[in-house]
């Protein structure tokens, strides 16, 4: 049981660091977005931001999956 607890804690801590990194990237991307579109962004600009971030997330997920498969 002790090994399982350590494994679960390691997974949770890793996920927490991933969340912190994601939030940091979100802030960085928002800052770039504000420089490009201005502080008073419109709904259309926000939708463009969401679409771009989604596309990047999909590309990154596919790339990570391929790298993971190669390692196996």
Protein backbone atom coordinates (compact mmCIF):
# COMPACT_ATOMS: atom_id res chain seq x y z
CA UNK A 1 0.00 0.00 0.00
CA UNK A 2 2.88 2.38 0.76
CA UNK A 3 4.21 2.05 -2.80
CA UNK A 4 0.79 2.83 -4.23
CA UNK A 5 0.46 5.94 -2.07
CA UNK A 6 3.89 7.18 -3.19
CA UNK A 7 3.00 6.53 -6.85
CA UNK A 8 -0.29 8.41 -6.50
CA UNK A 9 1.39 11.33 -4.73
CA UNK A 10 4.03 11.48 -7.45
CA UNK A 11 1.31 11.56 -10.10
CA UNK A 12 -0.61 14.30 -8.28
CA UNK A 13 2.49 16.42 -7.77
CA UNK A 14 3.41 16.02 -11.43
CA UNK A 15 -0.10 17.04 -12.45
CA UNK A 16 0.10 20.07 -10.14
CA UNK A 17 3.35 21.20 -11.75
CA UNK A 18 1.74 20.71 -15.15
CA UNK A 19 -1.15 22.94 -14.12
CA UNK A 20 1.22 25.64 -12.86
CA UNK A 21 3.15 25.50 -16.14
CA UNK A 22 -0.09 25.69 -18.14
CA UNK A 23 -1.23 28.74 -16.17
CA UNK A 24 2.15 30.41 -16.71
CA UNK A 25 1.90 29.76 -20.46
CA UNK A 26 -1.66 31.06 -20.44
CA UNK A 27 -0.50 34.32 -18.87
CA UNK A 28 2.36 34.62 -21.35
CA UNK A 29 0.09 34.00 -24.33
CA UNK A 30 -2.46 36.49 -22.98
CA UNK A 31 0.30 39.11 -22.69
CA UNK A 32 1.30 38.55 -26.32
CA UNK A 33 -2.36 38.64 -27.30
CA UNK A 34 -2.81 41.99 -25.54
CA UNK A 35 0.20 43.41 -27.36
CA UNK A 36 -1.17 42.26 -30.72
CA UNK A 37 -4.84 43.14 -30.24
CA UNK A 38 -4.79 45.69 -27.42
CA UNK A 39 -6.16 45.64 -23.90
CA UNK A 40 -9.78 46.11 -24.99
CA UNK A 41 -10.08 42.90 -26.97
CA UNK A 42 -13.27 42.14 -28.83
CA UNK A 43 -15.21 38.90 -28.76
CA UNK A 44 -13.84 38.05 -32.20
CA UNK A 45 -10.27 38.58 -30.97
CA UNK A 46 -10.96 36.35 -27.96
CA UNK A 47 -12.39 33.65 -30.23
CA UNK A 48 -9.28 33.84 -32.43
CA UNK A 49 -7.15 33.46 -29.30
CA UNK A 50 -9.16 30.42 -28.18
CA UNK A 51 -8.92 28.81 -31.62
CA UNK A 52 -5.18 29.38 -31.86
CA UNK A 53 -4.57 27.97 -28.37
CA UNK A 54 -6.76 24.95 -29.17
CA UNK A 55 -4.89 24.26 -32.40
CA UNK A 56 -1.56 24.52 -30.59
CA UNK A 57 -2.80 22.17 -27.86
CA UNK A 58 -3.93 19.61 -30.42
CA UNK A 59 -0.62 19.78 -32.29
CA UNK A 60 1.35 19.46 -29.05
CA UNK A 61 -0.79 16.52 -27.92
CA UNK A 62 -0.29 14.69 -31.21
CA UNK A 63 3.47 15.37 -31.13
CA UNK A 64 3.80 14.17 -27.53
CA UNK A 65 1.81 11.04 -28.36
CA UNK A 66 4.11 10.24 -31.28
CA UNK A 67 7.24 10.78 -29.19
CA UNK A 68 5.78 8.57 -26.47
CA UNK A 69 5.02 5.80 -28.97
CA UNK A 70 8.56 5.93 -30.35
CA UNK A 71 9.96 5.48 -26.83
CA UNK A 72 7.90 2.32 -26.35
